[in-house]
Protein backbone atom coordinates (compact mmCIF):
# COMPACT_ATOMS: atom_id res chain seq x y z
CA UNK A 1 0.00 0.00 0.00
CA UNK A 2 1.19 3.53 -0.73
CA UNK A 3 -0.36 6.42 1.19
CA UNK A 4 0.73 10.01 1.81
CA UNK A 5 -1.97 12.12 3.41
CA UNK A 6 -2.98 14.56 6.10
CA UNK A 7 -4.86 12.89 8.95
CA UNK A 8 -6.31 13.61 12.38
CA UNK A 9 -4.72 12.29 15.59
CA UNK A 10 -6.15 11.83 19.09
CA UNK A 11 -3.67 11.21 21.92
CA UNK A 12 -4.67 10.00 25.39
CA UNK A 13 -2.32 9.92 28.40
CA UNK A 14 -2.27 7.47 31.32
CA UNK A 15 -1.44 10.43 33.59
CA UNK A 16 -3.75 13.32 34.45
CA UNK A 17 -2.45 15.21 31.38
CA UNK A 18 -5.43 16.25 29.23
CA UNK A 19 -5.94 14.41 25.94
CA UNK A 20 -5.08 16.02 22.62
CA UNK A 21 -8.00 15.57 20.26
CA UNK A 22 -8.30 16.44 16.59
CA UNK A 23 -4.63 17.29 16.09
CA UNK A 24 -3.26 17.45 12.54
CA UNK A 25 -0.66 14.91 11.49
CA UNK A 26 0.79 13.52 8.30
CA UNK A 27 1.02 9.81 7.58
CA UNK A 28 3.13 8.17 4.90
CA UNK A 29 3.00 4.46 4.20
CA UNK A 30 5.14 3.04 1.42
CA UNK A 31 5.23 -0.73 1.26
CA UNK A 32 6.01 -1.87 4.81
CA UNK A 33 7.47 1.49 5.96
CA UNK A 34 5.43 4.05 7.91
CA UNK A 35 6.22 7.64 8.96
CA UNK A 36 3.98 9.71 11.23
CA UNK A 37 4.82 13.40 11.71
CA UNK A 38 3.15 16.15 13.70
CA UNK A 39 4.02 19.40 15.48
CA UNK A 40 3.78 20.14 19.18
CA UNK A 41 5.02 22.92 21.46
CA UNK A 42 8.60 21.55 21.23
CA UNK A 43 8.71 21.30 17.42
CA UNK A 44 8.19 18.60 14.81
CA UNK A 45 7.87 15.00 16.01
CA UNK A 46 8.62 12.11 13.64
CA UNK A 47 7.87 8.45 14.34
CA UNK A 48 9.21 5.91 11.83
CA UNK A 49 8.72 2.19 11.63
CA UNK A 50 7.73 -0.92 9.75
CA UNK A 51 4.72 -3.13 9.24
CA UNK A 52 5.51 -6.29 11.19
CA UNK A 53 2.69 -8.06 9.37
CA UNK A 54 -0.93 -7.52 8.44
CA UNK A 55 -1.12 -3.85 9.46
CA UNK A 56 0.72 -4.12 12.80
CA UNK A 57 3.27 -1.30 12.86
CA UNK A 58 6.16 -0.80 15.31
CA UNK A 59 7.57 2.75 15.38
CA UNK A 60 10.36 4.72 17.07
CA UNK A 61 11.19 8.37 17.69
CA UNK A 62 14.80 8.38 18.98
CA UNK A 63 14.84 12.17 19.56
CA UNK A 64 12.11 11.78 22.20
CA UNK A 65 13.02 8.30 23.43
CA UNK A 66 9.70 7.27 21.91
CA UNK A 67 8.36 3.85 20.99
CA UNK A 68 4.90 3.12 19.65
CA UNK A 69 2.62 0.66 17.96
CA UNK A 70 -0.20 1.21 15.50
CA UNK A 71 -2.65 -1.40 14.27
CA UNK A 72 -5.04 -1.18 11.34
CA UNK A 73 -7.84 -3.58 10.50
CA UNK A 74 -8.02 -4.04 6.71
CA UNK A 75 -10.37 -1.49 5.07
CA UNK A 76 -10.53 0.55 8.31
CA UNK A 77 -9.79 4.29 8.27
CA UNK A 78 -8.36 4.07 11.83
CA UNK A 79 -4.88 3.23 13.09
CA UNK A 80 -4.76 2.70 16.86
CA UNK A 81 -2.00 1.83 19.28
CA UNK A 82 0.13 2.42 22.36
CA UNK A 83 3.03 4.84 22.87
CA UNK A 84 5.79 5.57 25.41
CA UNK A 85 7.77 8.83 25.22
CA UNK A 86 10.17 10.40 27.74
CA UNK A 87 8.45 8.71 30.70
CA UNK A 88 4.87 9.39 29.55
CA UNK A 89 2.65 6.71 28.07
CA UNK A 90 -0.78 6.38 26.55
CA UNK A 91 -2.83 5.50 23.50
CA UNK A 92 -3.28 7.19 20.15
CA UNK A 93 -5.69 6.95 17.25
CA UNK A 94 -5.13 8.30 13.76
CA UNK A 95 -8.14 8.82 11.52
CA UNK A 96 -7.47 8.75 7.80
CA UNK A 97 -9.59 10.92 5.50
Foldseek 3Di string as FASTA:
>chain_A
DWDWDKWFKWWDWPDPDDIDGRFIWIWTDDPFKIWIWHADPVGIFIWIFGNPDQAWTWTAGVVFRKTKIWGDHPPAQKTKIKMDGNHIITIMIIGHD
